């Protein structure tokens, strides 16, 4: 079953907002919002990544379903001085490797991740290559 409308999510999760067709939510709400979307028929995580902005990192999640063609984008701003967000491996196992990639490239920590370690760079690599302040 697909959600009736994006606005129904905003009504259900106070503090979330819509920016066009993108849902903005806080790090504290992320897991509950994603569990709700999964129950509503968004059965797979298409992708997740991060974007560095001047004041924060923005996590970008795209979820989808096999039963209908819609994709749904969720964004979560993460403070640069505390780059932590909850893992989604308990909602979608597919989050495992992409969260590790974001950790490796941006240094964003996914709390409660079952195996958070570097995936693309050597274990002793210093820094995070996709941060704007990285000078390798």
Protein backbone atom coordinates (compact mmCIF):
# COMPACT_ATOMS: atom_id res chain seq x y z
CA UNK A 1 0.00 0.00 0.00
CA UNK A 2 1.41 3.39 -0.95
CA UNK A 3 1.13 6.36 1.36
CA UNK A 4 -1.83 8.59 0.54
CA UNK A 5 0.28 11.70 0.19
CA UNK A 6 3.51 13.22 1.35
CA UNK A 7 1.53 15.63 3.47
CA UNK A 8 0.22 12.69 5.50
CA UNK A 9 3.79 12.00 6.64
CA UNK A 10 4.19 15.62 7.75
CA UNK A 11 0.96 15.30 9.73
CA UNK A 12 2.07 12.03 11.32
CA UNK A 13 5.62 13.16 12.17
CA UNK A 14 5.48 16.64 13.67
CA UNK A 15 8.56 18.67 12.87
CA UNK A 16 9.06 17.17 9.42
CA UNK A 17 8.54 19.48 6.46
CA UNK A 18 8.16 19.23 2.73
CA UNK A 19 10.46 21.11 0.40
CA UNK A 20 8.93 20.47 -2.98
CA UNK A 21 8.70 16.69 -3.18
CA UNK A 22 11.48 16.06 -0.63
CA UNK A 23 10.77 15.26 3.01
CA UNK A 24 13.04 17.00 5.51
CA UNK A 25 13.33 15.38 8.92
CA UNK A 26 15.57 15.57 11.96
CA UNK A 27 18.16 12.93 12.82
CA UNK A 28 16.03 12.00 15.85
CA UNK A 29 13.06 11.15 13.61
CA UNK A 30 14.91 9.35 10.84
CA UNK A 31 14.52 5.73 11.91
CA UNK A 32 10.82 6.05 12.76
CA UNK A 33 10.08 7.83 9.47
CA UNK A 34 11.93 5.13 7.54
CA UNK A 35 10.15 2.31 9.38
CA UNK A 36 6.84 3.98 8.53
CA UNK A 37 7.78 4.31 4.86
CA UNK A 38 8.80 0.66 4.74
CA UNK A 39 5.45 -0.40 6.24
CA UNK A 40 3.71 1.79 3.66
CA UNK A 41 5.27 -0.12 0.78
CA UNK A 42 8.68 1.46 0.19
CA UNK A 43 10.41 -1.90 0.44
CA UNK A 44 13.93 -1.03 -0.63
CA UNK A 45 16.61 1.58 -0.12
CA UNK A 46 17.59 2.84 -3.57
CA UNK A 47 20.53 4.90 -2.36
CA UNK A 48 21.93 6.99 0.44
CA UNK A 49 24.68 9.55 0.29
CA UNK A 50 25.87 12.76 1.91
CA UNK A 51 26.39 16.30 0.68
CA UNK A 52 28.62 18.81 2.46
CA UNK A 53 27.07 22.23 2.82
CA UNK A 54 28.68 25.27 4.47
CA UNK A 55 26.87 24.77 7.78
CA UNK A 56 26.15 21.02 7.90
CA UNK A 57 26.17 17.68 6.12
CA UNK A 58 22.94 16.64 4.47
CA UNK A 59 22.15 12.95 4.34
CA UNK A 60 20.09 12.09 1.28
CA UNK A 61 18.04 8.89 1.25
CA UNK A 62 16.01 7.57 -1.67
CA UNK A 63 13.54 4.76 -1.09
CA UNK A 64 11.45 2.86 -3.60
CA UNK A 65 9.09 -0.04 -4.16
CA UNK A 66 8.69 -2.78 -6.72
CA UNK A 67 4.89 -2.44 -6.70
CA UNK A 68 4.76 1.18 -7.87
CA UNK A 69 7.15 3.46 -9.75
CA UNK A 70 7.42 6.26 -7.18
CA UNK A 71 10.65 7.10 -5.43
CA UNK A 72 10.70 9.07 -2.22
CA UNK A 73 13.56 11.33 -1.13
CA UNK A 74 14.29 12.11 2.51
CA UNK A 75 16.94 14.60 3.66
CA UNK A 76 18.42 14.94 7.13
CA UNK A 77 20.78 17.74 8.16
CA UNK A 78 23.63 16.60 10.40
CA UNK A 79 25.73 19.18 12.30
CA UNK A 80 29.38 19.36 11.28
CA UNK A 81 30.55 19.50 14.88
CA UNK A 82 28.60 16.31 15.74
CA UNK A 83 28.37 14.27 12.54
CA UNK A 84 26.24 11.42 13.89
CA UNK A 85 23.07 9.83 12.54
CA UNK A 86 21.38 6.51 13.33
CA UNK A 87 22.05 3.53 11.12
CA UNK A 88 19.25 2.23 8.93
CA UNK A 89 20.63 -1.32 8.82
CA UNK A 90 17.76 -2.39 11.09
CA UNK A 91 15.27 -1.15 8.50
CA UNK A 92 17.12 -2.07 5.29
CA UNK A 93 20.20 -4.31 5.35
CA UNK A 94 21.27 -2.63 2.11
CA UNK A 95 22.21 0.44 4.16
CA UNK A 96 25.26 -1.39 5.51
CA UNK A 97 27.78 -0.77 2.75
CA UNK A 98 26.54 2.64 1.66
CA UNK A 99 26.68 3.90 5.26
CA UNK A 100 30.24 2.58 5.45
CA UNK A 101 31.08 4.47 2.26
CA UNK A 102 29.65 7.73 3.66
CA UNK A 103 31.59 7.14 6.88
CA UNK A 104 34.79 6.53 4.93
CA UNK A 105 34.42 9.53 2.61
CA UNK A 106 32.77 12.11 4.92
CA UNK A 107 33.44 10.90 8.48
CA UNK A 108 29.75 10.76 9.37
CA UNK A 109 29.24 8.16 12.10
CA UNK A 110 26.20 5.88 11.94
CA UNK A 111 25.30 5.03 15.51
CA UNK A 112 24.60 1.35 16.25
CA UNK A 113 25.98 0.28 12.87
CA UNK A 114 26.97 -3.41 13.08
CA UNK A 115 30.33 -3.02 11.29
CA UNK A 116 31.27 0.64 10.84
CA UNK A 117 34.75 0.70 9.36
CA UNK A 118 36.40 2.05 6.25
CA UNK A 119 35.36 0.38 3.01
CA UNK A 120 37.21 2.22 0.20
CA UNK A 121 40.38 3.48 1.85
CA UNK A 122 42.97 1.63 3.96
CA UNK A 123 42.25 1.27 7.68
CA UNK A 124 45.10 3.63 8.56
CA UNK A 125 44.00 6.35 6.10
CA UNK A 126 43.93 9.85 7.61
CA UNK A 127 41.05 12.17 6.88
CA UNK A 128 37.89 12.00 4.81
CA UNK A 129 38.45 12.59 1.07
CA UNK A 130 35.06 14.11 0.19
CA UNK A 131 35.16 16.79 2.87
CA UNK A 132 35.89 20.22 1.49
CA UNK A 133 38.66 20.73 4.06
CA UNK A 134 40.53 17.57 2.98
CA UNK A 135 43.98 18.23 1.55
CA UNK A 136 45.40 14.84 0.67
